Structure formats: C-alpha cells, structure tokens
Amino acid sequence: MRWSYREITVKTVRRLLLTLLPKLAVSRLTGLITRIPLPRGLRAPFYRRFARRYGVELEQVAGELEDYRSLAAFFQRPLREGARPLAASPLVWPCDGKVVTGGGIRGDLIPQVKGQDYSLADLLGDRELAAEIADGSQATVYLAPGDYHRVHSPCAAQVLEIRKLPGSYFPVNPPAVACIDQLFLRNARVVFRLKLPDGRSAALVMVAALNVGDTSVSVSHGDQVAAGDELGRFGFGSTTVFALGPGKPEIRNLDPERKVRMGEDLPS
C-alpha cells in the first residue's frame, strides 16, 4: 500500500514531534502524578469519569473504587472473580486490547502495516531464541488506556528467562507505530522466554510506551505457569507481542482492529 502525499506530510510532522518530545521525562512525571494518593471521597467519582472517557468496564473491577488509592493503582486494577472465564482452547489471549497484526512470521520478520516489518531477533534481543521461533506465528495487541492492564500467559509454559531491554518511550498507538520506523525495537521492553510442554519455544514481549515506564513482572525465572496466569502489569497502556515457534497449534491470520479480551480463545 502506497502513502498519499497528505499521509506522508502528517507522518513526517508526527515523527518530528515524537522524536523531539522528552519522552523519559514526561513518562517519569506522569508516573509521579498518577501515584499521588487521592482523597477517599474523590476516588469513585474520579474513576467513574475516567471510565466514561476511556471505556473502562467498571462492573468487572475487583473490590470497591474507593479502595484504589491512586490513578496508578486503578490502572493496574485486578478483575473480579469470574470476569474473564478462561477458554478451553490451546491458546488464549494474554491481554485486553485491539489486534495490530496476527499470523505467520516470515523467517525472522514480523509483518506490520504498510511495510513496517521488523526483526524478531531485534525485538527479543536474543538471536538464538529468535532462530527457535522463526517461521512460527505471532499476535500483536495494542492496549488502550481504558483496557485491563495485566498481561497473562497465553498457554501452559515454563518461564526460562526474563530479560529487560532498555530503550525509549515512544507512544505505541497505531498512528505512532505507522510513522516511527522500528518503533517496537526502539522502546524499552520486557521479554519472557517460554518453553511449551511440547518443547517448542515462545516469547511474550511487553513493550513499554510513553507514560508506561513502570512495567512490572509478576513471575520469576523457572516458574511453571498455566494459561491465564499473570506474567506482568503495565502502568497505563501499551503493546504485547506473543511469538510462537513453528508447529501446532499456530496463530491464524487475524484482522487488525479486532477487539480481544484476556482469556478468550486465540484463534489457532
């Protein structure tokens, strides 16, 4: 697909502004502000307003709104018991969000929109792991600010390694991804190296973004996890990439912009 002249102009201006933006400083400041405790009486009205603005499903939030001391705590809220029944399928979605891309990996390349393909080895920071996953399949999901921000294992696996890769904090919404070359490779990220019961290699990558500098990890090296077990948490909204080595089940081609929920069947 070719870019129109208007698209090229908008893309160029957006790239310039995002490049010049002091992303680390902005993210740290946002983190400080969102961790400020709110007066108990203001919490529920504030969170309800936030929910209306960003589409948060408050009926699925665990506990009482007044119990979330800060906006940061509300971002990383747990779900009430039974809010996400786990699908009886080989693979489940690791998080809430919208599909960016999904389907086969071409050798070492993860296909993206409008030719923004990128290297699996560069994403993972591990050429050996990338070689084990090459020619497999992947699903990339964008989490908006109103989504549930915890990330879970898409399948039963052993956590062989957790690697934190430093980087920038570009926003990861679709317009930013379209205008910043190799954006996912430039941002800070956490890589979970997984081994499935059938011996296949897989990786789940939590890509940090603008205002998401406080990505946290919920498991340790060597842990055995079941499908649906929590792996980590985002502080605001970001992107998750699940890459799976060749074999069955494999991730089918997915339509971009499809809304997905953690625990639902990941088509395979």
Protein backbone atom coordinates (compact mmCIF):
# COMPACT_ATOMS: atom_id res chain seq x y z
CA MET A 1 0.00 0.00 0.00
CA ARG A 2 1.42 3.41 -1.00
CA TRP A 3 1.32 6.50 1.18
CA SER A 4 -0.60 9.54 -0.17
CA TYR A 5 1.05 12.97 -0.12
CA ARG A 6 -1.12 14.04 2.82
CA GLU A 7 -0.26 10.88 4.75
CA ILE A 8 3.45 11.47 4.13
CA THR A 9 3.19 15.07 5.40
CA VAL A 10 1.26 14.10 8.55
CA LYS A 11 3.61 11.19 9.16
CA THR A 12 6.69 13.42 8.85
CA VAL A 13 5.35 16.06 11.25
CA ARG A 14 4.23 13.46 13.78
CA ARG A 15 7.62 11.71 13.61
CA LEU A 16 9.44 15.00 14.22
CA LEU A 17 7.28 15.94 17.21
CA LEU A 18 7.52 12.50 18.80
CA THR A 19 11.28 12.40 18.28
CA LEU A 20 11.78 15.81 19.92
CA LEU A 21 9.44 15.08 22.83
CA PRO A 22 11.38 14.41 26.10
CA LYS A 23 9.70 11.02 26.46
CA LEU A 24 11.56 9.71 29.51
CA ALA A 25 10.98 12.92 31.49
CA VAL A 26 7.30 13.02 30.51
CA SER A 27 6.84 9.37 31.48
CA ARG A 28 8.52 9.85 34.86
CA LEU A 29 6.45 12.95 35.59
CA THR A 30 3.26 11.14 34.63
CA GLY A 31 4.23 8.26 36.89
CA LEU A 32 4.75 10.59 39.83
CA ILE A 33 1.43 12.35 39.27
CA THR A 34 -0.59 9.14 38.88
CA ARG A 35 0.87 7.74 42.12
CA ILE A 36 -0.32 10.68 44.23
CA PRO A 37 -2.94 9.35 46.70
CA LEU A 38 -6.42 10.73 46.09
CA PRO A 39 -8.77 11.72 48.91
CA ARG A 40 -11.06 8.76 49.54
CA GLY A 41 -14.21 10.74 48.82
CA LEU A 42 -12.95 11.80 45.38
CA ARG A 43 -11.80 8.38 44.19
CA ALA A 44 -15.07 6.85 42.98
CA PRO A 45 -16.29 9.99 41.10
CA PHE A 46 -12.86 10.45 39.53
CA TYR A 47 -12.57 6.83 38.39
CA ARG A 48 -16.12 6.85 37.03
CA ARG A 49 -15.29 9.91 34.95
CA PHE A 50 -12.11 8.23 33.74
CA ALA A 51 -14.16 5.12 32.89
CA ARG A 52 -16.63 7.12 30.82
CA ARG A 53 -13.79 8.82 28.95
CA TYR A 54 -11.83 5.64 28.16
CA GLY A 55 -14.45 2.91 28.19
CA VAL A 56 -13.49 1.06 31.38
CA GLU A 57 -15.96 -1.70 32.29
CA LEU A 58 -16.38 -0.87 35.97
CA GLU A 59 -18.63 -3.86 36.66
CA GLN A 60 -15.61 -6.10 36.10
CA VAL A 61 -13.31 -4.30 38.53
CA ALA A 62 -12.49 -6.19 41.75
CA GLY A 63 -13.38 -4.55 45.06
CA GLU A 64 -14.65 -1.02 45.65
CA LEU A 65 -13.46 2.00 43.70
CA GLU A 66 -12.69 3.79 46.96
CA ASP A 67 -10.03 1.17 47.73
CA TYR A 68 -7.78 2.27 44.83
CA ARG A 69 -5.55 4.89 46.45
CA SER A 70 -4.25 6.43 43.23
CA LEU A 71 -4.82 6.51 39.50
CA ALA A 72 -1.73 4.29 39.11
CA ALA A 73 -3.35 1.66 41.33
CA PHE A 74 -6.55 1.89 39.31
CA PHE A 75 -4.61 1.45 36.05
CA GLN A 76 -3.29 -1.88 37.31
CA ARG A 77 -6.59 -2.99 38.85
CA PRO A 78 -7.40 -6.68 39.16
CA LEU A 79 -10.63 -8.14 37.80
CA ARG A 80 -13.41 -9.53 39.93
CA GLU A 81 -13.64 -13.31 40.23
CA GLY A 82 -15.20 -14.82 37.10
CA ALA A 83 -14.93 -11.67 34.97
CA ARG A 84 -12.69 -13.45 32.45
CA PRO A 85 -13.61 -17.13 32.15
CA LEU A 86 -10.73 -18.98 30.51
CA ALA A 87 -11.48 -20.52 27.10
CA ALA A 88 -10.98 -24.27 26.75
CA SER A 89 -8.57 -23.86 23.83
CA PRO A 90 -4.84 -24.43 23.19
CA LEU A 91 -4.10 -20.69 23.20
CA VAL A 92 -5.83 -17.78 24.92
CA TRP A 93 -5.38 -14.04 24.56
CA PRO A 94 -2.79 -12.73 27.03
CA CYS A 95 -4.41 -9.32 27.48
CA ASP A 96 -7.22 -7.00 26.54
CA GLY A 97 -6.81 -4.70 23.56
CA LYS A 98 -7.03 -4.43 19.78
CA VAL A 99 -5.16 -6.58 17.28
CA VAL A 100 -2.36 -4.81 15.44
CA THR A 101 -1.30 -7.86 13.41
CA GLY A 102 -1.51 -11.61 13.73
CA GLY A 103 -0.47 -14.67 11.75
CA GLY A 104 2.69 -16.16 10.31
CA ILE A 105 6.23 -14.92 10.89
CA ARG A 106 8.19 -14.75 7.64
CA GLY A 107 11.52 -16.21 8.63
CA ASP A 108 12.78 -13.65 11.13
CA LEU A 109 10.38 -10.88 10.11
CA ILE A 110 7.16 -9.94 11.90
CA PRO A 111 4.87 -8.32 9.30
CA GLN A 112 3.35 -4.97 10.21
CA VAL A 113 1.09 -2.45 8.49
CA LYS A 114 2.33 -0.53 5.45
CA GLY A 115 5.67 -2.29 5.25
CA GLN A 116 6.83 -1.55 8.80
CA ASP A 117 8.13 -5.13 9.23
CA TYR A 118 10.76 -5.68 11.91
CA SER A 119 13.22 -8.35 13.02
CA LEU A 120 12.20 -10.89 15.65
CA ALA A 121 15.83 -11.13 16.80
CA ASP A 122 15.98 -7.38 17.36
CA LEU A 123 12.65 -7.40 19.23
CA LEU A 124 13.74 -10.20 21.56
CA GLY A 125 17.36 -9.11 21.92
CA ASP A 126 18.26 -12.79 21.52
CA ARG A 127 19.22 -14.31 18.17
CA GLU A 128 19.21 -17.85 19.50
CA LEU A 129 15.62 -17.57 20.75
CA ALA A 130 14.59 -15.81 17.53
CA ALA A 131 16.02 -18.70 15.48
CA GLU A 132 13.93 -21.16 17.51
CA ILE A 133 10.75 -19.14 16.85
CA ALA A 134 11.48 -18.21 13.19
CA ASP A 135 8.78 -19.20 10.68
CA GLY A 136 6.31 -19.57 13.53
CA SER A 137 3.37 -17.26 14.23
CA GLN A 138 2.61 -14.20 16.32
CA ALA A 139 -0.11 -11.90 17.66
CA THR A 140 0.44 -8.22 18.47
CA VAL A 141 -2.10 -6.41 20.67
CA TYR A 142 -2.35 -2.70 21.48
CA LEU A 143 -3.70 -1.85 24.95
CA ALA A 144 -5.55 1.47 25.15
CA PRO A 145 -5.71 3.48 28.40
CA GLY A 146 -9.11 2.04 29.33
CA ASP A 147 -8.12 -1.61 28.91
CA TYR A 148 -7.33 -4.08 31.67
CA HIS A 149 -3.56 -3.66 32.10
CA ARG A 150 -2.38 -7.03 33.38
CA VAL A 151 -0.74 -9.48 30.98
CA HIS A 152 -1.19 -13.24 31.32
CA SER A 153 0.35 -16.36 29.84
CA PRO A 154 -1.41 -17.46 26.62
CA CYS A 155 -0.62 -21.12 27.34
CA ALA A 156 0.96 -23.55 29.78
CA ALA A 157 4.71 -23.00 29.79
CA GLN A 158 7.89 -22.72 31.81
CA VAL A 159 9.46 -19.28 32.18
CA LEU A 160 13.07 -19.89 31.18
CA GLU A 161 14.25 -16.28 31.26
CA ILE A 162 13.02 -12.74 31.88
CA ARG A 163 15.02 -10.08 30.09
CA LYS A 164 14.57 -6.33 30.48
CA LEU A 165 15.78 -4.38 27.46
CA PRO A 166 16.39 -0.63 27.81
CA GLY A 167 15.06 1.84 25.29
CA SER A 168 12.94 4.88 24.60
CA TYR A 169 9.27 5.55 25.40
CA PHE A 170 7.58 6.41 22.13
CA PRO A 171 3.79 6.11 22.28
CA VAL A 172 2.63 2.84 20.70
CA ASN A 173 -0.81 3.82 19.39
CA PRO A 174 -1.39 2.97 15.71
CA PRO A 175 -0.56 6.48 14.35
CA ALA A 176 2.80 6.44 16.17
CA VAL A 177 3.60 2.90 15.01
CA ALA A 178 2.88 3.97 11.44
CA CYS A 179 5.27 6.93 11.50
CA ILE A 180 8.17 5.82 13.73
CA ASP A 181 10.43 3.30 12.00
CA GLN A 182 11.12 0.16 14.04
CA LEU A 183 9.22 1.63 17.00
CA PHE A 184 8.86 -1.60 19.00
CA LEU A 185 12.61 -2.17 18.69
CA ARG A 186 13.39 1.32 19.98
CA ASN A 187 11.19 1.18 23.09
CA ALA A 188 12.08 -0.38 26.43
CA ARG A 189 10.53 -3.82 26.83
CA VAL A 190 10.38 -6.96 28.94
CA VAL A 191 10.89 -10.32 27.20
CA PHE A 192 9.62 -13.57 28.74
CA ARG A 193 11.31 -16.61 27.23
CA LEU A 194 8.86 -19.52 27.41
CA LYS A 195 9.07 -23.26 26.79
CA LEU A 196 5.83 -25.09 26.00
CA PRO A 197 5.06 -28.63 27.21
CA ASP A 198 5.72 -29.93 23.68
CA GLY A 199 9.22 -28.44 23.76
CA ARG A 200 8.52 -25.51 21.46
CA SER A 201 9.96 -22.08 22.19
CA ALA A 202 7.85 -18.98 22.57
CA ALA A 203 8.25 -15.42 23.79
CA LEU A 204 5.92 -12.83 25.21
CA VAL A 205 7.09 -9.23 24.96
CA MET A 206 5.66 -6.34 26.97
CA VAL A 207 6.59 -3.17 25.06
CA ALA A 208 6.74 -0.05 27.22
CA ALA A 209 5.42 3.24 25.90
CA LEU A 210 5.03 6.91 26.69
CA ASN A 211 3.73 7.17 30.27
CA VAL A 212 4.31 3.40 30.77
CA GLY A 213 7.74 3.41 32.37
CA ASP A 214 6.70 1.28 35.34
CA THR A 215 6.11 -2.09 33.67
CA SER A 216 6.35 -4.75 36.40
CA VAL A 217 6.94 -8.51 36.39
CA SER A 218 4.79 -10.98 38.36
CA VAL A 219 6.75 -14.24 37.86
CA SER A 220 10.31 -15.49 38.33
CA HIS A 221 12.84 -17.45 36.29
CA GLY A 222 11.97 -21.14 36.27
CA ASP A 223 8.31 -20.73 37.20
CA GLN A 224 5.76 -23.07 35.66
CA VAL A 225 2.70 -21.13 34.52
CA ALA A 226 -0.70 -22.22 33.30
CA ALA A 227 -2.73 -20.48 30.63
CA GLY A 228 -4.18 -17.37 32.22
CA ASP A 229 -1.54 -16.97 34.94
CA GLU A 230 -0.35 -13.39 35.37
CA LEU A 231 3.08 -12.52 33.93
CA GLY A 232 3.24 -8.76 34.40
CA ARG A 233 1.49 -5.39 34.53
CA PHE A 234 1.52 -2.16 32.56
CA GLY A 235 1.14 1.22 34.18
CA PHE A 236 -1.06 2.83 31.53
CA GLY A 237 -1.47 1.28 28.06
CA SER A 238 1.00 -0.31 25.71
CA THR A 239 1.60 -3.27 23.37
CA THR A 240 2.06 -7.00 23.87
CA VAL A 241 3.63 -9.35 21.31
CA PHE A 242 3.26 -13.13 21.63
CA ALA A 243 5.55 -15.09 19.28
CA LEU A 244 5.28 -18.88 18.99
CA GLY A 245 7.66 -21.33 17.32
CA PRO A 246 6.59 -23.47 14.32
CA GLY A 247 4.15 -26.30 14.96
CA LYS A 248 0.59 -26.85 16.08
CA PRO A 249 -1.29 -25.01 17.38
CA GLU A 250 -0.29 -21.90 15.45
CA ILE A 251 -1.81 -18.44 15.44
CA ARG A 252 -4.08 -17.86 12.44
CA ASN A 253 -4.19 -14.65 10.41
CA LEU A 254 -6.06 -12.01 12.37
CA ASP A 255 -7.95 -8.93 11.26
CA PRO A 256 -6.40 -5.66 12.51
CA GLU A 257 -8.51 -3.59 14.94
CA ARG A 258 -10.29 -6.67 16.24
CA LYS A 259 -11.15 -6.18 19.93
CA VAL A 260 -9.93 -9.04 22.13
CA ARG A 261 -10.11 -9.93 25.82
CA MET A 262 -7.73 -11.76 28.06
CA GLY A 263 -8.69 -15.43 28.44
CA GLU A 264 -10.72 -15.68 25.23
CA ASP A 265 -9.80 -18.16 22.51
CA LEU A 266 -6.78 -17.04 20.47
CA PRO A 267 -7.63 -18.48 17.02
CA SER A 268 -5.29 -21.33 16.15
